[in-house]
């Protein structure tokens, strides 16, 4: 058994949630916040069998899009050249952790 923790941008969370549920996966969605941009995310917790991992990853991949965002300059002194104008950064997509589950109990 596996446990997937999928961190998805809030812009894509509805599509990921709906698609995973439509594909028969049981998901728990938790609101979360990223540390770098402080943007809203959703973290999905999905328990599944090992042979379902690739299918779940494909559903997440299809429904979480990468995009570019303009970030205003910030001068915190830690990143040379970062404060020299608007910076374009990549956001979105998904970060997925796949963990082994020793035991699963549904009460």
N, C-alpha and C. Protein backbone atom coordinates (compact mmCIF):
# COMPACT_ATOMS: atom_id res chain seq x y z
N UNK A 1 0.85 -1.18 0.00
CA UNK A 1 0.00 0.00 0.00
C UNK A 1 0.89 1.24 0.00
N UNK A 2 0.41 2.30 -0.63
CA UNK A 2 1.15 3.55 -0.74
C UNK A 2 0.28 4.71 -0.26
N UNK A 3 0.96 5.77 0.14
CA UNK A 3 0.31 7.02 0.50
C UNK A 3 0.91 8.11 -0.36
N UNK A 4 0.06 8.80 -1.12
CA UNK A 4 0.52 9.93 -1.93
C UNK A 4 0.15 11.21 -1.22
N UNK A 5 1.11 12.10 -1.11
CA UNK A 5 0.88 13.47 -0.65
C UNK A 5 1.16 14.35 -1.86
N UNK A 6 0.13 14.95 -2.40
CA UNK A 6 0.27 15.77 -3.60
C UNK A 6 -0.05 17.22 -3.26
N UNK A 7 0.93 18.09 -3.44
CA UNK A 7 0.76 19.52 -3.16
C UNK A 7 0.50 20.21 -4.50
N UNK A 8 -0.67 20.83 -4.60
CA UNK A 8 -1.16 21.38 -5.87
C UNK A 8 -1.55 22.84 -5.67
N UNK A 9 -1.25 23.68 -6.64
CA UNK A 9 -1.66 25.09 -6.61
C UNK A 9 -3.18 25.18 -6.52
N UNK A 10 -3.68 26.12 -5.74
CA UNK A 10 -5.13 26.27 -5.58
C UNK A 10 -5.86 26.48 -6.90
N UNK A 11 -5.19 27.06 -7.89
CA UNK A 11 -5.82 27.28 -9.20
C UNK A 11 -6.22 25.95 -9.85
N UNK A 12 -5.52 24.88 -9.50
CA UNK A 12 -5.75 23.57 -10.11
C UNK A 12 -6.44 22.59 -9.17
N UNK A 13 -6.58 22.94 -7.92
CA UNK A 13 -7.03 21.99 -6.90
C UNK A 13 -8.41 21.40 -7.21
N UNK A 14 -9.33 22.21 -7.68
CA UNK A 14 -10.68 21.72 -7.98
C UNK A 14 -10.63 20.64 -9.07
N UNK A 15 -9.85 20.90 -10.12
CA UNK A 15 -9.76 19.95 -11.23
C UNK A 15 -9.09 18.65 -10.80
N UNK A 16 -8.05 18.76 -9.99
CA UNK A 16 -7.37 17.57 -9.49
C UNK A 16 -8.32 16.77 -8.61
N UNK A 17 -9.01 17.44 -7.70
CA UNK A 17 -9.92 16.77 -6.78
C UNK A 17 -11.03 16.04 -7.53
N UNK A 18 -11.67 16.75 -8.46
CA UNK A 18 -12.77 16.18 -9.24
C UNK A 18 -12.30 15.01 -10.08
N UNK A 19 -11.15 15.15 -10.71
CA UNK A 19 -10.64 14.09 -11.59
C UNK A 19 -10.21 12.86 -10.80
N UNK A 20 -9.57 13.06 -9.66
CA UNK A 20 -9.18 11.91 -8.84
C UNK A 20 -10.41 11.16 -8.33
N UNK A 21 -11.41 11.91 -7.89
CA UNK A 21 -12.64 11.29 -7.39
C UNK A 21 -13.37 10.55 -8.51
N UNK A 22 -13.42 11.16 -9.70
CA UNK A 22 -14.07 10.52 -10.85
C UNK A 22 -13.35 9.24 -11.26
N UNK A 23 -12.04 9.19 -11.02
CA UNK A 23 -11.26 8.00 -11.36
C UNK A 23 -11.35 6.93 -10.27
N UNK A 24 -12.10 7.22 -9.21
CA UNK A 24 -12.32 6.21 -8.18
C UNK A 24 -11.39 6.28 -6.98
N UNK A 25 -10.58 7.33 -6.90
CA UNK A 25 -9.67 7.47 -5.77
C UNK A 25 -10.37 8.18 -4.62
N UNK A 26 -10.07 7.76 -3.42
CA UNK A 26 -10.58 8.42 -2.22
C UNK A 26 -9.53 9.42 -1.79
N UNK A 27 -9.89 10.69 -1.71
CA UNK A 27 -8.91 11.73 -1.39
C UNK A 27 -9.37 12.56 -0.20
N UNK A 28 -8.39 13.05 0.53
CA UNK A 28 -8.62 14.04 1.57
C UNK A 28 -7.83 15.27 1.16
N UNK A 29 -8.50 16.42 1.16
CA UNK A 29 -7.86 17.67 0.74
C UNK A 29 -7.67 18.56 1.95
N UNK A 30 -6.45 19.08 2.10
CA UNK A 30 -6.11 19.97 3.21
C UNK A 30 -5.57 21.27 2.61
N UNK A 31 -6.06 22.40 3.10
CA UNK A 31 -5.52 23.69 2.65
C UNK A 31 -4.12 23.87 3.22
N UNK A 32 -3.21 24.38 2.39
CA UNK A 32 -1.83 24.60 2.83
C UNK A 32 -1.29 25.86 2.15
N UNK A 33 -0.15 26.32 2.62
CA UNK A 33 0.46 27.53 2.08
C UNK A 33 1.93 27.25 1.79
N UNK A 34 2.38 27.67 0.61
CA UNK A 34 3.78 27.50 0.25
C UNK A 34 4.65 28.50 0.99
N UNK A 35 5.87 28.12 1.27
CA UNK A 35 6.76 28.97 2.04
C UNK A 35 7.41 30.09 1.25
N UNK A 36 7.69 29.87 -0.04
CA UNK A 36 8.42 30.86 -0.83
C UNK A 36 7.52 32.02 -1.25
N UNK A 37 6.41 31.73 -1.91
CA UNK A 37 5.51 32.77 -2.41
C UNK A 37 4.34 33.03 -1.48
N UNK A 38 4.17 32.22 -0.49
CA UNK A 38 3.06 32.32 0.46
C UNK A 38 1.71 32.23 -0.26
N UNK A 39 1.69 31.51 -1.39
CA UNK A 39 0.45 31.30 -2.13
C UNK A 39 -0.29 30.10 -1.57
N UNK A 40 -1.60 30.10 -1.77
CA UNK A 40 -2.41 28.99 -1.32
C UNK A 40 -2.20 27.75 -2.16
N UNK A 41 -2.14 26.64 -1.49
CA UNK A 41 -2.04 25.33 -2.12
C UNK A 41 -3.10 24.43 -1.50
N UNK A 42 -3.27 23.28 -2.10
CA UNK A 42 -4.06 22.22 -1.50
C UNK A 42 -3.17 20.99 -1.46
N UNK A 43 -3.18 20.32 -0.33
CA UNK A 43 -2.43 19.08 -0.19
C UNK A 43 -3.44 17.94 -0.18
N UNK A 44 -3.27 17.03 -1.11
CA UNK A 44 -4.15 15.87 -1.23
C UNK A 44 -3.47 14.67 -0.59
N UNK A 45 -4.23 13.95 0.22
CA UNK A 45 -3.76 12.71 0.84
C UNK A 45 -4.54 11.58 0.19
N UNK A 46 -3.82 10.65 -0.41
CA UNK A 46 -4.46 9.58 -1.17
C UNK A 46 -3.84 8.26 -0.77
N UNK A 47 -4.64 7.37 -0.23
CA UNK A 47 -4.19 6.02 0.06
C UNK A 47 -4.58 5.13 -1.10
N UNK A 48 -3.63 4.33 -1.59
CA UNK A 48 -3.92 3.47 -2.74
C UNK A 48 -2.98 2.28 -2.79
N UNK A 49 -3.33 1.36 -3.64
CA UNK A 49 -2.47 0.19 -3.85
C UNK A 49 -1.32 0.57 -4.77
N UNK A 50 -0.23 -0.15 -4.66
CA UNK A 50 0.97 0.17 -5.44
C UNK A 50 0.70 0.18 -6.94
N UNK A 51 -0.18 -0.70 -7.41
CA UNK A 51 -0.45 -0.75 -8.85
C UNK A 51 -1.33 0.40 -9.33
N UNK A 52 -1.82 1.27 -8.42
CA UNK A 52 -2.63 2.43 -8.79
C UNK A 52 -1.83 3.73 -8.83
N UNK A 53 -0.57 3.67 -8.41
CA UNK A 53 0.24 4.89 -8.29
C UNK A 53 0.38 5.61 -9.62
N UNK A 54 0.73 4.88 -10.67
CA UNK A 54 0.94 5.53 -11.98
C UNK A 54 -0.34 6.20 -12.49
N UNK A 55 -1.48 5.56 -12.28
CA UNK A 55 -2.75 6.15 -12.72
C UNK A 55 -3.05 7.45 -11.96
N UNK A 56 -2.84 7.43 -10.65
CA UNK A 56 -3.08 8.64 -9.85
C UNK A 56 -2.12 9.76 -10.27
N UNK A 57 -0.86 9.43 -10.50
CA UNK A 57 0.11 10.44 -10.93
C UNK A 57 -0.29 11.04 -12.27
N UNK A 58 -0.80 10.23 -13.17
CA UNK A 58 -1.21 10.75 -14.48
C UNK A 58 -2.41 11.69 -14.35
N UNK A 59 -3.35 11.36 -13.48
CA UNK A 59 -4.50 12.24 -13.25
C UNK A 59 -4.02 13.58 -12.69
N UNK A 60 -3.12 13.53 -11.73
CA UNK A 60 -2.58 14.76 -11.14
C UNK A 60 -1.82 15.56 -12.19
N UNK A 61 -0.99 14.88 -12.97
CA UNK A 61 -0.19 15.55 -14.01
C UNK A 61 -1.08 16.26 -15.04
N UNK A 62 -2.14 15.61 -15.47
CA UNK A 62 -3.03 16.19 -16.48
C UNK A 62 -3.81 17.40 -15.97
N UNK A 63 -4.00 17.49 -14.66
CA UNK A 63 -4.87 18.52 -14.11
C UNK A 63 -4.16 19.58 -13.29
N UNK A 64 -2.86 19.56 -13.27
CA UNK A 64 -2.10 20.60 -12.55
C UNK A 64 -1.10 21.22 -13.52
N UNK A 65 -1.39 22.41 -13.95
CA UNK A 65 -0.62 23.07 -15.00
C UNK A 65 0.47 23.98 -14.44
N UNK A 66 1.61 23.96 -15.08
CA UNK A 66 2.65 24.93 -14.75
C UNK A 66 2.35 26.22 -15.51
N UNK A 67 2.65 27.34 -14.88
CA UNK A 67 2.43 28.64 -15.51
C UNK A 67 3.50 29.61 -15.00
N UNK A 68 3.61 30.73 -15.67
CA UNK A 68 4.57 31.74 -15.24
C UNK A 68 3.84 32.88 -14.54
N UNK A 69 4.53 33.47 -13.57
CA UNK A 69 3.95 34.54 -12.78
C UNK A 69 4.99 35.64 -12.63
N UNK A 70 4.54 36.88 -12.73
CA UNK A 70 5.43 38.01 -12.49
C UNK A 70 5.48 38.29 -11.00
N UNK A 71 6.68 38.34 -10.48
CA UNK A 71 6.85 38.61 -9.06
C UNK A 71 7.53 39.96 -8.92
N UNK A 72 6.95 40.85 -8.13
CA UNK A 72 7.58 42.17 -7.96
C UNK A 72 8.94 42.02 -7.29
N UNK A 73 9.81 42.99 -7.54
CA UNK A 73 11.15 42.90 -6.95
C UNK A 73 11.10 42.94 -5.43
N UNK A 74 11.98 42.15 -4.85
CA UNK A 74 12.12 42.10 -3.39
C UNK A 74 13.59 42.26 -3.08
N UNK A 75 13.91 43.15 -2.21
CA UNK A 75 15.32 43.33 -1.84
C UNK A 75 15.51 42.92 -0.39
N UNK A 76 15.83 41.65 -0.23
CA UNK A 76 16.10 41.17 1.11
C UNK A 76 17.60 40.91 1.31
N UNK A 77 18.37 41.22 0.30
CA UNK A 77 19.81 41.09 0.39
C UNK A 77 20.33 39.67 0.25
N UNK A 78 19.44 38.69 0.15
CA UNK A 78 19.91 37.31 0.12
C UNK A 78 20.14 36.77 -1.29
N UNK A 79 19.53 37.39 -2.31
CA UNK A 79 19.68 36.89 -3.66
C UNK A 79 20.20 38.02 -4.55
N UNK A 80 21.48 37.99 -4.89
CA UNK A 80 22.05 39.06 -5.73
C UNK A 80 21.32 39.17 -7.07
N UNK A 81 20.99 40.37 -7.46
CA UNK A 81 20.36 40.62 -8.74
C UNK A 81 18.86 40.38 -8.76
N UNK A 82 18.30 39.85 -7.70
CA UNK A 82 16.88 39.52 -7.67
C UNK A 82 16.00 40.76 -7.62
N UNK A 83 16.51 41.84 -7.08
CA UNK A 83 15.69 43.05 -6.89
C UNK A 83 15.80 44.02 -8.05
N UNK A 84 16.34 43.60 -9.18
CA UNK A 84 16.58 44.50 -10.31
C UNK A 84 15.42 44.56 -11.30
N UNK A 85 14.21 44.43 -10.86
CA UNK A 85 13.06 44.51 -11.76
C UNK A 85 12.12 43.35 -11.50
N UNK A 86 11.06 43.32 -12.30
CA UNK A 86 10.09 42.24 -12.14
C UNK A 86 10.72 40.92 -12.55
N UNK A 87 10.48 39.92 -11.75
CA UNK A 87 11.04 38.60 -12.00
C UNK A 87 9.93 37.64 -12.42
N UNK A 88 10.18 36.88 -13.46
CA UNK A 88 9.23 35.88 -13.93
C UNK A 88 9.64 34.55 -13.32
N UNK A 89 8.69 33.91 -12.63
CA UNK A 89 8.98 32.63 -12.01
C UNK A 89 7.93 31.61 -12.45
N UNK A 90 8.29 30.33 -12.38
CA UNK A 90 7.37 29.25 -12.71
C UNK A 90 6.62 28.84 -11.45
N UNK A 91 5.31 28.70 -11.57
CA UNK A 91 4.48 28.25 -10.47
C UNK A 91 3.54 27.16 -11.00
N UNK A 92 2.85 26.52 -10.10
CA UNK A 92 1.88 25.50 -10.50
C UNK A 92 2.52 24.14 -10.60
N UNK A 93 1.84 23.28 -11.31
CA UNK A 93 2.27 21.90 -11.35
C UNK A 93 1.93 21.25 -10.02
N UNK A 94 2.61 20.19 -9.70
CA UNK A 94 2.36 19.49 -8.44
C UNK A 94 3.67 18.93 -7.91
N UNK A 95 3.76 18.85 -6.61
CA UNK A 95 4.85 18.16 -5.95
C UNK A 95 4.22 16.97 -5.24
N UNK A 96 4.72 15.77 -5.55
CA UNK A 96 4.10 14.56 -5.01
C UNK A 96 5.14 13.75 -4.25
N UNK A 97 4.77 13.35 -3.05
CA UNK A 97 5.57 12.45 -2.24
C UNK A 97 4.86 11.11 -2.21
N UNK A 98 5.61 10.03 -2.44
CA UNK A 98 5.04 8.68 -2.41
C UNK A 98 5.69 7.94 -1.26
N UNK A 99 4.84 7.53 -0.31
CA UNK A 99 5.33 6.89 0.90
C UNK A 99 4.79 5.47 1.01
N UNK A 100 5.61 4.58 1.56
CA UNK A 100 5.14 3.23 1.84
C UNK A 100 4.30 3.23 3.10
N UNK A 101 3.25 2.42 3.11
CA UNK A 101 2.36 2.32 4.26
C UNK A 101 2.52 0.92 4.85
N UNK A 102 2.88 0.90 6.11
CA UNK A 102 3.07 -0.38 6.78
C UNK A 102 1.73 -1.04 7.13
N UNK A 103 0.80 -0.22 7.56
CA UNK A 103 -0.50 -0.76 7.97
C UNK A 103 -1.57 0.29 7.71
N UNK A 104 -2.75 -0.17 7.29
CA UNK A 104 -3.87 0.72 7.02
C UNK A 104 -5.09 0.18 7.76
N UNK A 105 -5.71 1.03 8.55
CA UNK A 105 -6.90 0.64 9.30
C UNK A 105 -7.98 1.68 9.06
N UNK A 106 -9.14 1.26 8.64
CA UNK A 106 -10.28 2.18 8.45
C UNK A 106 -11.27 1.91 9.57
N UNK A 107 -11.44 2.86 10.46
CA UNK A 107 -12.35 2.69 11.61
C UNK A 107 -13.64 3.43 11.40
